[in-house]
Amino acid sequence: MKFFSGFIIGAISGAALEMLQSQKNASVDNSTNLFHNIKDLKNTLVELKDNASIVPGVLSGLQSDITNYAEDIAPAVENLKSSVSEMQSNLEEFKDISN
């Protein structure tokens, strides 16, 4: 949820910044520019709404990928744990032999 909130805040901030910068380069006819800016803001919010509806699917896909990856590497992790345990055992034997 924090990601989604940050995404919305960032998008709105970006739209506001873009509007502010476009006003600096605007022509003398401010009323026309105001209507264009409002229209642009509306279009930006519509795009944001469309993009926001995609986010849950993307997050679900990422979660699925991470779960699949964790399942795929589980045998390798178990093998690594076994190897570390064997190395510790060998180290203990080496210490006993050297004493």
PDB file of N, CA and C in Angstrom:
ATOM      1  N   MET A   1       0.823  -1.186   0.000  1.00  0.00           N
ATOM      2  CA  MET A   1       0.000   0.000   0.000  1.00  0.00           C
ATOM      3  C   MET A   1       0.867   1.250   0.000  1.00  0.00           C
ATOM      4  N   LYS A   2       2.040   1.183   0.685  1.00  0.00           N
ATOM      5  CA  LYS A   2       2.925   2.340   0.710  1.00  0.00           C
ATOM      6  C   LYS A   2       3.427   2.644  -0.694  1.00  0.00           C
ATOM      7  N   PHE A   3       3.721   1.595  -1.463  1.00  0.00           N
ATOM      8  CA  PHE A   3       4.194   1.782  -2.826  1.00  0.00           C
ATOM      9  C   PHE A   3       3.127   2.480  -3.659  1.00  0.00           C
ATOM     10  N   PHE A   4       1.883   2.018  -3.545  1.00  0.00           N
ATOM     11  CA  PHE A   4       0.794   2.590  -4.310  1.00  0.00           C
ATOM     12  C   PHE A   4       0.590   4.058  -3.943  1.00  0.00           C
ATOM     13  N   SER A   5       0.623   4.384  -2.650  1.00  0.00           N
ATOM     14  CA  SER A   5       0.465   5.777  -2.205  1.00  0.00           C
ATOM     15  C   SER A   5       1.608   6.634  -2.721  1.00  0.00           C
ATOM     16  N   GLY A   6       2.814   6.126  -2.625  1.00  0.00           N
ATOM     17  CA  GLY A   6       3.969   6.866  -3.129  1.00  0.00           C
ATOM     18  C   GLY A   6       3.892   7.061  -4.627  1.00  0.00           C
ATOM     19  N   PHE A   7       3.405   6.049  -5.327  1.00  0.00           N
ATOM     20  CA  PHE A   7       3.262   6.125  -6.778  1.00  0.00           C
ATOM     21  C   PHE A   7       2.286   7.236  -7.154  1.00  0.00           C
ATOM     22  N   ILE A   8       1.156   7.305  -6.458  1.00  0.00           N
ATOM     23  CA  ILE A   8       0.150   8.328  -6.749  1.00  0.00           C
ATOM     24  C   ILE A   8       0.691   9.715  -6.426  1.00  0.00           C
ATOM     25  N   ILE A   9       1.317   9.864  -5.264  1.00  0.00           N
ATOM     26  CA  ILE A   9       1.866  11.169  -4.876  1.00  0.00           C
ATOM     27  C   ILE A   9       2.924  11.613  -5.872  1.00  0.00           C
ATOM     28  N   GLY A  10       3.788  10.701  -6.277  1.00  0.00           N
ATOM     29  CA  GLY A  10       4.834  11.029  -7.248  1.00  0.00           C
ATOM     30  C   GLY A  10       4.259  11.437  -8.590  1.00  0.00           C
ATOM     31  N   ALA A  11       3.235  10.736  -9.038  1.00  0.00           N
ATOM     32  CA  ALA A  11       2.631  11.050 -10.330  1.00  0.00           C
ATOM     33  C   ALA A  11       1.947  12.415 -10.298  1.00  0.00           C
ATOM     34  N   ILE A  12       1.239  12.686  -9.221  1.00  0.00           N
ATOM     35  CA  ILE A  12       0.565  13.985  -9.108  1.00  0.00           C
ATOM     36  C   ILE A  12       1.592  15.106  -8.992  1.00  0.00           C
ATOM     37  N   SER A  13       2.660  14.870  -8.231  1.00  0.00           N
ATOM     38  CA  SER A  13       3.717  15.875  -8.118  1.00  0.00           C
ATOM     39  C   SER A  13       4.364  16.125  -9.468  1.00  0.00           C
ATOM     40  N   GLY A  14       4.588  15.058 -10.221  1.00  0.00           N
ATOM     41  CA  GLY A  14       5.175  15.200 -11.558  1.00  0.00           C
ATOM     42  C   GLY A  14       4.268  15.991 -12.476  1.00  0.00           C
ATOM     43  N   ALA A  15       2.969  15.725 -12.413  1.00  0.00           N
ATOM     44  CA  ALA A  15       2.022  16.461 -13.250  1.00  0.00           C
ATOM     45  C   ALA A  15       1.991  17.935 -12.858  1.00  0.00           C
ATOM     46  N   ALA A  16       2.013  18.205 -11.563  1.00  0.00           N
ATOM     47  CA  ALA A  16       2.004  19.595 -11.100  1.00  0.00           C
ATOM     48  C   ALA A  16       3.280  20.316 -11.522  1.00  0.00           C
ATOM     49  N   LEU A  17       4.416  19.639 -11.410  1.00  0.00           N
ATOM     50  CA  LEU A  17       5.686  20.238 -11.821  1.00  0.00           C
ATOM     51  C   LEU A  17       5.701  20.499 -13.319  1.00  0.00           C
ATOM     52  N   GLU A  18       5.179  19.566 -14.093  1.00  0.00           N
ATOM     53  CA  GLU A  18       5.121  19.752 -15.540  1.00  0.00           C
ATOM     54  C   GLU A  18       4.238  20.945 -15.895  1.00  0.00           C
ATOM     55  N   MET A  19       3.115  21.074 -15.188  1.00  0.00           N
ATOM     56  CA  MET A  19       2.234  22.216 -15.438  1.00  0.00           C
ATOM     57  C   MET A  19       2.919  23.522 -15.065  1.00  0.00           C
ATOM     58  N   LEU A  20       3.645  23.535 -13.946  1.00  0.00           N
ATOM     59  CA  LEU A  20       4.339  24.737 -13.510  1.00  0.00           C
ATOM     60  C   LEU A  20       5.394  25.145 -14.530  1.00  0.00           C
ATOM     61  N   GLN A  21       6.152  24.176 -15.027  1.00  0.00           N
ATOM     62  CA  GLN A  21       7.179  24.482 -16.013  1.00  0.00           C
ATOM     63  C   GLN A  21       6.566  24.925 -17.333  1.00  0.00           C
ATOM     64  N   SER A  22       5.429  24.339 -17.699  1.00  0.00           N
ATOM     65  CA  SER A  22       4.801  24.732 -18.958  1.00  0.00           C
ATOM     66  C   SER A  22       4.235  26.149 -18.861  1.00  0.00           C
ATOM     67  N   GLN A  23       3.878  26.592 -17.661  1.00  0.00           N
ATOM     68  CA  GLN A  23       3.370  27.951 -17.498  1.00  0.00           C
ATOM     69  C   GLN A  23       4.463  28.980 -17.712  1.00  0.00           C
ATOM     70  N   LYS A  24       5.706  28.629 -17.390  1.00  0.00           N
ATOM     71  CA  LYS A  24       6.809  29.564 -17.584  1.00  0.00           C
ATOM     72  C   LYS A  24       7.041  29.840 -19.061  1.00  0.00           C
ATOM     73  N   ASN A  25       6.762  28.853 -19.898  1.00  0.00           N
ATOM     74  CA  ASN A  25       6.974  28.994 -21.331  1.00  0.00           C
ATOM     75  C   ASN A  25       5.685  29.314 -22.081  1.00  0.00           C
ATOM     76  N   ALA A  26       4.646  29.665 -21.357  1.00  0.00           N
ATOM     77  CA  ALA A  26       3.337  29.879 -21.963  1.00  0.00           C
ATOM     78  C   ALA A  26       3.285  31.216 -22.689  1.00  0.00           C
ATOM     79  N   SER A  27       2.334  31.312 -23.593  1.00  0.00           N
ATOM     80  CA  SER A  27       2.128  32.559 -24.316  1.00  0.00           C
ATOM     81  C   SER A  27       1.369  33.546 -23.439  1.00  0.00           C
ATOM     82  N   VAL A  28       1.080  34.700 -23.987  1.00  0.00           N
ATOM     83  CA  VAL A  28       0.449  35.782 -23.234  1.00  0.00           C
ATOM     84  C   VAL A  28      -1.002  35.464 -22.890  1.00  0.00           C
ATOM     85  N   ASP A  29      -1.662  34.695 -23.674  1.00  0.00           N
ATOM     86  CA  ASP A  29      -3.071  34.400 -23.460  1.00  0.00           C
ATOM     87  C   ASP A  29      -3.228  33.376 -22.335  1.00  0.00           C
ATOM     88  N   ASN A  30      -3.286  33.873 -21.098  1.00  0.00           N
ATOM     89  CA  ASN A  30      -3.304  33.007 -19.918  1.00  0.00           C
ATOM     90  C   ASN A  30      -4.589  32.204 -19.780  1.00  0.00           C
ATOM     91  N   SER A  31      -5.715  32.755 -20.204  1.00  0.00           N
ATOM     92  CA  SER A  31      -6.970  32.024 -20.040  1.00  0.00           C
ATOM     93  C   SER A  31      -6.972  30.759 -20.891  1.00  0.00           C
ATOM     94  N   THR A  32      -6.449  30.860 -22.104  1.00  0.00           N
ATOM     95  CA  THR A  32      -6.363  29.678 -22.966  1.00  0.00           C
ATOM     96  C   THR A  32      -5.411  28.656 -22.355  1.00  0.00           C
ATOM     97  N   ASN A  33      -4.292  29.147 -21.818  1.00  0.00           N
ATOM     98  CA  ASN A  33      -3.322  28.247 -21.199  1.00  0.00           C
ATOM     99  C   ASN A  33      -3.913  27.559 -19.973  1.00  0.00           C
ATOM    100  N   LEU A  34      -4.718  28.285 -19.222  1.00  0.00           N
ATOM    101  CA  LEU A  34      -5.345  27.700 -18.044  1.00  0.00           C
ATOM    102  C   LEU A  34      -6.234  26.526 -18.441  1.00  0.00           C
ATOM    103  N   PHE A  35      -7.040  26.726 -19.497  1.00  0.00           N
ATOM    104  CA  PHE A  35      -7.907  25.640 -19.955  1.00  0.00           C
ATOM    105  C   PHE A  35      -7.092  24.455 -20.480  1.00  0.00           C
ATOM    106  N   HIS A  36      -5.999  24.756 -21.180  1.00  0.00           N
ATOM    107  CA  HIS A  36      -5.128  23.676 -21.658  1.00  0.00           C
ATOM    108  C   HIS A  36      -4.503  22.931 -20.480  1.00  0.00           C
ATOM    109  N   ASN A  37      -4.083  23.691 -19.471  1.00  0.00           N
ATOM    110  CA  ASN A  37      -3.468  23.053 -18.300  1.00  0.00           C
ATOM    111  C   ASN A  37      -4.465  22.180 -17.547  1.00  0.00           C
ATOM    112  N   ILE A  38      -5.688  22.661 -17.428  1.00  0.00           N
ATOM    113  CA  ILE A  38      -6.720  21.860 -16.767  1.00  0.00           C
ATOM    114  C   ILE A  38      -6.994  20.597 -17.573  1.00  0.00           C
ATOM    115  N   LYS A  39      -7.066  20.752 -18.898  1.00  0.00           N
ATOM    116  CA  LYS A  39      -7.285  19.590 -19.761  1.00  0.00           C
ATOM    117  C   LYS A  39      -6.113  18.616 -19.639  1.00  0.00           C
ATOM    118  N   ASP A  40      -4.887  19.153 -19.623  1.00  0.00           N
ATOM    119  CA  ASP A  40      -3.704  18.301 -19.471  1.00  0.00           C
ATOM    120  C   ASP A  40      -3.717  17.577 -18.127  1.00  0.00           C
ATOM    121  N   LEU A  41      -4.094  18.300 -17.071  1.00  0.00           N
ATOM    122  CA  LEU A  41      -4.161  17.680 -15.749  1.00  0.00           C
ATOM    123  C   LEU A  41      -5.197  16.561 -15.734  1.00  0.00           C
ATOM    124  N   LYS A  42      -6.348  16.832 -16.361  1.00  0.00           N
ATOM    125  CA  LYS A  42      -7.392  15.806 -16.429  1.00  0.00           C
ATOM    126  C   LYS A  42      -6.869  14.581 -17.174  1.00  0.00           C
ATOM    127  N   ASN A  43      -6.201  14.798 -18.304  1.00  0.00           N
ATOM    128  CA  ASN A  43      -5.648  13.676 -19.072  1.00  0.00           C
ATOM    129  C   ASN A  43      -4.598  12.920 -18.262  1.00  0.00           C
ATOM    130  N   THR A  44      -3.778  13.669 -17.529  1.00  0.00           N
ATOM    131  CA  THR A  44      -2.750  13.037 -16.698  1.00  0.00           C
ATOM    132  C   THR A  44      -3.388  12.193 -15.605  1.00  0.00           C
ATOM    133  N   LEU A  45      -4.446  12.704 -14.989  1.00  0.00           N
ATOM    134  CA  LEU A  45      -5.129  11.941 -13.940  1.00  0.00           C
ATOM    135  C   LEU A  45      -5.810  10.694 -14.503  1.00  0.00           C
ATOM    136  N   VAL A  46      -6.346  10.801 -15.723  1.00  0.00           N
ATOM    137  CA  VAL A  46      -6.949   9.622 -16.362  1.00  0.00           C
ATOM    138  C   VAL A  46      -5.874   8.575 -16.628  1.00  0.00           C
ATOM    139  N   GLU A  47      -4.709   9.019 -17.137  1.00  0.00           N
ATOM    140  CA  GLU A  47      -3.600   8.092 -17.376  1.00  0.00           C
ATOM    141  C   GLU A  47      -3.129   7.470 -16.064  1.00  0.00           C
ATOM    142  N   LEU A  48      -3.067   8.286 -15.019  1.00  0.00           N
ATOM    143  CA  LEU A  48      -2.659   7.785 -13.709  1.00  0.00           C
ATOM    144  C   LEU A  48      -3.635   6.722 -13.212  1.00  0.00           C
ATOM    145  N   LYS A  49      -4.921   6.982 -13.394  1.00  0.00           N
ATOM    146  CA  LYS A  49      -5.937   6.005 -12.985  1.00  0.00           C
ATOM    147  C   LYS A  49      -5.747   4.700 -13.752  1.00  0.00           C
ATOM    148  N   ASP A  50      -5.515   4.813 -15.064  1.00  0.00           N
ATOM    149  CA  ASP A  50      -5.303   3.607 -15.874  1.00  0.00           C
ATOM    150  C   ASP A  50      -4.053   2.860 -15.423  1.00  0.00           C
ATOM    151  N   ASN A  51      -2.977   3.601 -15.165  1.00  0.00           N
ATOM    152  CA  ASN A  51      -1.730   2.974 -14.723  1.00  0.00           C
ATOM    153  C   ASN A  51      -1.869   2.373 -13.330  1.00  0.00           C
ATOM    154  N   ALA A  52      -2.630   3.038 -12.472  1.00  0.00           N
ATOM    155  CA  ALA A  52      -2.805   2.544 -11.104  1.00  0.00           C
ATOM    156  C   ALA A  52      -3.549   1.214 -11.095  1.00  0.00           C
ATOM    157  N   SER A  53      -4.408   1.002 -12.073  1.00  0.00           N
ATOM    158  CA  SER A  53      -5.135  -0.271 -12.115  1.00  0.00           C
ATOM    159  C   SER A  53      -4.218  -1.421 -12.515  1.00  0.00           C
ATOM    160  N   ILE A  54      -3.087  -1.112 -13.120  1.00  0.00           N
ATOM    161  CA  ILE A  54      -2.133  -2.139 -13.542  1.00  0.00           C
ATOM    162  C   ILE A  54      -1.240  -2.565 -12.378  1.00  0.00           C
ATOM    163  N   VAL A  55      -0.999  -1.658 -11.435  1.00  0.00           N
ATOM    164  CA  VAL A  55      -0.046  -1.900 -10.345  1.00  0.00           C
ATOM    165  C   VAL A  55      -0.342  -3.176  -9.553  1.00  0.00           C
ATOM    166  N   PRO A  56      -1.578  -3.444  -9.130  1.00  0.00           N
ATOM    167  CA  PRO A  56      -1.808  -4.684  -8.372  1.00  0.00           C
ATOM    168  C   PRO A  56      -1.417  -5.942  -9.150  1.00  0.00           C
ATOM    169  N   GLY A  57      -1.680  -5.946 -10.446  1.00  0.00           N
ATOM    170  CA  GLY A  57      -1.293  -7.097 -11.257  1.00  0.00           C
ATOM    171  C   GLY A  57       0.211  -7.265 -11.329  1.00  0.00           C
ATOM    172  N   VAL A  58       0.910  -6.140 -11.456  1.00  0.00           N
ATOM    173  CA  VAL A  58       2.374  -6.191 -11.506  1.00  0.00           C
ATOM    174  C   VAL A  58       2.921  -6.698 -10.175  1.00  0.00           C
ATOM    175  N   LEU A  59       2.395  -6.175  -9.076  1.00  0.00           N
ATOM    176  CA  LEU A  59       2.854  -6.617  -7.759  1.00  0.00           C
ATOM    177  C   LEU A  59       2.549  -8.095  -7.536  1.00  0.00           C
ATOM    178  N   SER A  60       1.398  -8.538  -7.990  1.00  0.00           N
ATOM    179  CA  SER A  60       1.046  -9.951  -7.868  1.00  0.00           C
ATOM    180  C   SER A  60       2.013 -10.810  -8.676  1.00  0.00           C
ATOM    181  N   GLY A  61       2.363 -10.348  -9.870  1.00  0.00           N
ATOM    182  CA  GLY A  61       3.328 -11.066 -10.695  1.00  0.00           C
ATOM    183  C   GLY A  61       4.693 -11.126 -10.050  1.00  0.00           C
ATOM    184  N   LEU A  62       5.114 -10.011  -9.453  1.00  0.00           N
ATOM    185  CA  LEU A  62       6.405  -9.994  -8.760  1.00  0.00           C
ATOM    186  C   LEU A  62       6.403 -10.967  -7.583  1.00  0.00           C
ATOM    187  N   GLN A  63       5.323 -10.963  -6.824  1.00  0.00           N
ATOM    188  CA  GLN A  63       5.218 -11.869  -5.681  1.00  0.00           C
ATOM    189  C   GLN A  63       5.277 -13.321  -6.149  1.00  0.00           C
ATOM    190  N   SER A  64       4.602 -13.619  -7.232  1.00  0.00           N
ATOM    191  CA  SER A  64       4.627 -14.974  -7.789  1.00  0.00           C
ATOM    192  C   SER A  64       6.032 -15.351  -8.247  1.00  0.00           C
ATOM    193  N   ASP A  65       6.718 -14.409  -8.908  1.00  0.00           N
ATOM    194  CA  ASP A  65       8.085 -14.675  -9.366  1.00  0.00           C
ATOM    195  C   ASP A  65       9.019 -14.947  -8.193  1.00  0.00           C
ATOM    196  N   ILE A  66       8.877 -14.167  -7.128  1.00  0.00           N
ATOM    197  CA  ILE A  66       9.735 -14.349  -5.949  1.00  0.00           C
ATOM    198  C   ILE A  66       9.452 -15.706  -5.302  1.00  0.00           C
ATOM    199  N   THR A  67       8.179 -16.064  -5.219  1.00  0.00           N
ATOM    200  CA  THR A  67       7.821 -17.368  -4.648  1.00  0.00           C
ATOM    201  C   THR A  67       8.402 -18.503  -5.485  1.00  0.00           C
ATOM    202  N   ASN A  68       8.267 -18.392  -6.800  1.00  0.00           N
ATOM    203  CA  ASN A  68       8.820 -19.424  -7.687  1.00  0.00           C
ATOM    204  C   ASN A  68      10.335 -19.499  -7.559  1.00  0.00           C
ATOM    205  N   TYR A  69      10.990 -18.345  -7.456  1.00  0.00           N
ATOM    206  CA  TYR A  69      12.447 -18.315  -7.322  1.00  0.00           C
ATOM    207  C   TYR A  69      12.869 -18.984  -6.016  1.00  0.00           C
ATOM    208  N   ALA A  70      12.150 -18.663  -4.942  1.00  0.00           N
ATOM    209  CA  ALA A  70      12.473 -19.263  -3.638  1.00  0.00           C
ATOM    210  C   ALA A  70      12.319 -20.782  -3.692  1.00  0.00           C
ATOM    211  N   GLU A  71      11.287 -21.249  -4.372  1.00  0.00           N
ATOM    212  CA  GLU A  71      11.092 -22.696  -4.511  1.00  0.00           C
ATOM    213  C   GLU A  71      12.185 -23.318  -5.380  1.00  0.00           C
ATOM    214  N   ASP A  72      12.600 -22.597  -6.419  1.00  0.00           N
ATOM    215  CA  ASP A  72      13.630 -23.116  -7.323  1.00  0.00           C
ATOM    216  C   ASP A  72      14.988 -23.243  -6.649  1.00  0.00           C
ATOM    217  N   ILE A  73      15.316 -22.298  -5.769  1.00  0.00           N
ATOM    218  CA  ILE A  73      16.647 -22.334  -5.157  1.00  0.00           C
ATOM    219  C   ILE A  73      16.677 -23.116  -3.844  1.00  0.00           C
ATOM    220  N   ALA A  74      15.532 -23.582  -3.379  1.00  0.00           N
ATOM    221  CA  ALA A  74      15.482 -24.315  -2.105  1.00  0.00           C
ATOM    222  C   ALA A  74      16.434 -25.514  -2.080  1.00  0.00           C
ATOM    223  N   PRO A  75      16.492 -26.345  -3.130  1.00  0.00           N
ATOM    224  CA  PRO A  75      17.442 -27.468  -3.090  1.00  0.00           C
ATOM    225  C   PRO A  75      18.903 -27.002  -3.011  1.00  0.00           C
ATOM    226  N   ALA A  76      19.224 -25.935  -3.726  1.00  0.00           N
ATOM    227  CA  ALA A  76      20.593 -25.418  -3.681  1.00  0.00           C
ATOM    228  C   ALA A  76      20.929 -24.886  -2.295  1.00  0.00           C
ATOM    229  N   VAL A  77      19.971 -24.250  -1.645  1.00  0.00           N
ATOM    230  CA  VAL A  77      20.192 -23.726  -0.295  1.00  0.00           C
ATOM    231  C   VAL A  77      20.409 -24.881   0.680  1.00  0.00           C
ATOM    232  N   GLU A  78      19.613 -25.916   0.554  1.00  0.00           N
ATOM    233  CA  GLU A  78      19.783 -27.086   1.423  1.00  0.00           C
ATOM    234  C   GLU A  78      21.150 -27.729   1.197  1.00  0.00           C
ATOM    235  N   ASN A  79      21.567 -27.813  -0.063  1.00  0.00           N
ATOM    236  CA  ASN A  79      22.878 -28.366  -0.393  1.00  0.00           C
ATOM    237  C   ASN A  79      23.986 -27.513   0.214  1.00  0.00           C
ATOM    238  N   LEU A  80      23.820 -26.202   0.138  1.00  0.00           N
ATOM    239  CA  LEU A  80      24.805 -25.284   0.710  1.00  0.00           C
ATOM    240  C   LEU A  80      24.874 -25.444   2.227  1.00  0.00           C
ATOM    241  N   LYS A  81      23.722 -25.554   2.879  1.00  0.00           N
ATOM    242  CA  LYS A  81      23.702 -25.755   4.335  1.00  0.00           C
ATOM    243  C   LYS A  81      24.408 -27.051   4.706  1.00  0.00           C
ATOM    244  N   SER A  82      24.160 -28.089   3.926  1.00  0.00           N
ATOM    245  CA  SER A  82      24.803 -29.376   4.173  1.00  0.00           C
ATOM    246  C   SER A  82      26.317 -29.262   4.008  1.00  0.00           C
ATOM    247  N   SER A  83      26.745 -28.539   2.977  1.00  0.00           N
ATOM    248  CA  SER A  83      28.181 -28.360   2.738  1.00  0.00           C
ATOM    249  C   SER A  83      28.835 -27.582   3.868  1.00  0.00           C
ATOM    250  N   VAL A  84      28.167 -26.550   4.346  1.00  0.00           N
ATOM    251  CA  VAL A  84      28.707 -25.754   5.452  1.00  0.00           C
ATOM    252  C   VAL A  84      28.802 -26.612   6.707  1.00  0.00           C
ATOM    253  N   SER A  85      27.784 -27.407   6.958  1.00  0.00           N
ATOM    254  CA  SER A  85      27.802 -28.296   8.121  1.00  0.00           C
ATOM    255  C   SER A  85      28.951 -29.295   8.016  1.00  0.00           C
ATOM    256  N   GLU A  86      29.144 -29.832   6.821  1.00  0.00           N
ATOM    257  CA  GLU A  86      30.237 -30.782   6.605  1.00  0.00           C
ATOM    258  C   GLU A  86      31.593 -30.106   6.794  1.00  0.00           C
ATOM    259  N   MET A  87      31.718 -28.881   6.310  1.00  0.00           N
ATOM    260  CA  MET A  87      32.973 -28.136   6.484  1.00  0.00           C
ATOM    261  C   MET A  87      33.245 -27.870   7.961  1.00  0.00           C
ATOM    262  N   GLN A  88      32.211 -27.529   8.719  1.00  0.00           N
ATOM    263  CA  GLN A  88      32.388 -27.301  10.152  1.00  0.00           C
ATOM    264  C   GLN A  88      32.832 -28.584  10.848  1.00  0.00           C
ATOM    265  N   SER A  89      32.244 -29.690  10.456  1.00  0.00           N
ATOM    266  CA  SER A  89      32.627 -30.980  11.026  1.00  0.00           C
ATOM    267  C   SER A  89      34.082 -31.299  10.695  1.00  0.00           C
ATOM    268  N   ASN A  90      34.468 -31.057   9.448  1.00  0.00           N
ATOM    269  CA  ASN A  90      35.859 -31.294   9.038  1.00  0.00           C
ATOM    270  C   ASN A  90      36.822 -30.388   9.795  1.00  0.00           C
ATOM    271  N   LEU A  91      36.424 -29.162  10.029  1.00  0.00           N
ATOM    272  CA  LEU A  91      37.263 -28.219  10.771  1.00  0.00           C
ATOM    273  C   LEU A  91      37.447 -28.691  12.211  1.00  0.00           C
ATOM    274  N   GLU A  92      36.376 -29.180  12.823  1.00  0.00           N
ATOM    275  CA  GLU A  92      36.478 -29.709  14.186  1.00  0.00           C
ATOM    276  C   GLU A  92      37.421 -30.920  14.221  1.00  0.00           C
ATOM    277  N   GLU A  93      37.313 -31.804  13.243  1.00  0.00           N
ATOM    278  CA  GLU A  93      38.209 -32.962  13.172  1.00  0.00           C
ATOM    279  C   GLU A  93      39.658 -32.513  13.003  1.00  0.00           C
ATOM    280  N   PHE A  94      39.866 -31.501  12.166  1.00  0.00           N
ATOM    281  CA  PHE A  94      41.214 -30.986  11.942  1.00  0.00           C
ATOM    282  C   PHE A  94      41.787 -30.402  13.234  1.00  0.00           C
ATOM    283  N   LYS A  95      40.952 -29.692  13.991  1.00  0.00           N
ATOM    284  CA  LYS A  95      41.405 -29.127  15.268  1.00  0.00           C
ATOM    285  C   LYS A  95      41.783 -30.244  16.241  1.00  0.00           C
ATOM    286  N   ASP A  96      40.973 -31.300  16.266  1.00  0.00           N
ATOM    287  CA  ASP A  96      41.261 -32.427  17.160  1.00  0.00           C
ATOM    288  C   ASP A  96      42.561 -33.129  16.766  1.00  0.00           C
ATOM    289  N   ILE A  97      42.799 -33.266  15.478  1.00  0.00           N
ATOM    290  CA  ILE A  97      44.021 -33.928  14.999  1.00  0.00           C
ATOM    291  C   ILE A  97      45.245 -33.088  15.310  1.00  0.00           C
ATOM    292  N   SER A  98      45.134 -31.781  15.147  1.00  0.00           N
ATOM    293  CA  SER A  98      46.293 -30.904  15.343  1.00  0.00           C
ATOM    294  C   SER A  98      46.650 -30.728  16.813  1.00  0.00           C
ATOM    295  N   ASN A  99      45.758 -31.042  17.720  1.00  0.00           N
ATOM    296  CA  ASN A  99      46.061 -30.914  19.156  1.00  0.00           C
ATOM    297  C   ASN A  99      46.693 -32.129  19.656  1.00  0.00           C
TER     298      ASN A  99
END
